[in-house]
């Protein structure tokens, strides 16, 4: 079979909501969030022939209840796709949607698929991280991992411990910048075009979720300095420099370049390379460093070739560790220009495609940039990175 180029046709997401009883999606099912996103993607891309979709890959970290029952198949049926379209569920914790994209990309590159949908959903209000799981006791009894490795906040504190230059002040400043950049992106209209409104229900009646719920543009350094450190006394990780618990769904259409061109579908990005890597689970936030190095090597590129970065802000310290490793300034304008997960939220398995959606939007606005990176840390000691090429590139970096 011939090798095919892989392109990002389009991607959308639901607005992200605060997890829990006070969040806007408390009475909304997780699978319905994905159905809303999927229907929105198909409605705004009428050129996608539904019967030519080769597969639907949907990720969730907790695959039970309304996030169980082979999400890719059930949500495809609920969204009205032909019954001939298959689907499956996938899990790589925080990198679920990213893995869904790279998995269907492999099938496209191999020539088995022409077009697939890939994304993720997480309803952390209904399915808290680590809920309803039974870790093998040998993990701990045989000291394969530290008990702390199962607590993402403690793994972030360990990065602060390991690298004294990663101070709380830097993490707080990065968290505040995320809030301010997201608000500026909203004011400029960069976020709203890719949001699919979702009907909601509460004691007050029905509503419509049209914007991300957890934004805090009023954030100040003084306010951040006063926040509690929930993972250890006198720690450095707070609610202000970490992503909040969040509900939401993302979905993207991934195709071969030849198929997209044949049908006249948009091509927003071209996949160059991807890689996943493992690290010590106790410092899982370092994962994107080796995965990015692998992805760069596979592409024959260096970090200097990357003109835009979309890095998932699970914790500010995790992003800062990558920036320090590659010699990138905390305030480099190439990094998360529209803010990140600290401000917008991190619905675990959904976040990878959010990074791609934002990078695609930035590519269109920056034809001088040729390559961009989407990268994220992953629970239990992993990292994931995907390098993309800008189809609008006209010369420059």
Foldseek 3Di string as FASTA:
>chain_A
DAFFWKFFQAKFKAFKWFAAPPIQCLVPFFLVQALLRVLVVCVVFVLDDLVQAAEEEEEEADADDSNHDFSRQVSCVVNPRDNVYYYGYADQWQQQQVVQQVVVSVCQRVPNGFKHKTFYWFRCNVPPVPPPDDDDCCCPVVVVADPLLSPVLQLLLVLCVVDVVLALLLLLVLLLVLLQLQVVCVVVVLRQVRHRKDWGADPVGIDIRRHHDQRDNVDDSVVSVPFASPPDHPTRFGLSFAFGAITMMMMTMMGGPVSCVVSVGHGLWIWQFKFKDFDRSSNLLQAQQVRVVVRCVSNVHDPVLAQAEEEARRGSSSVVVNCVVRVHDSVPCRYPSNHHRSRSNRSRSRRQVVSVNSVSSVLVVCLQRFKHKYKYGTRNGMIMMIMITGPSHDHHD
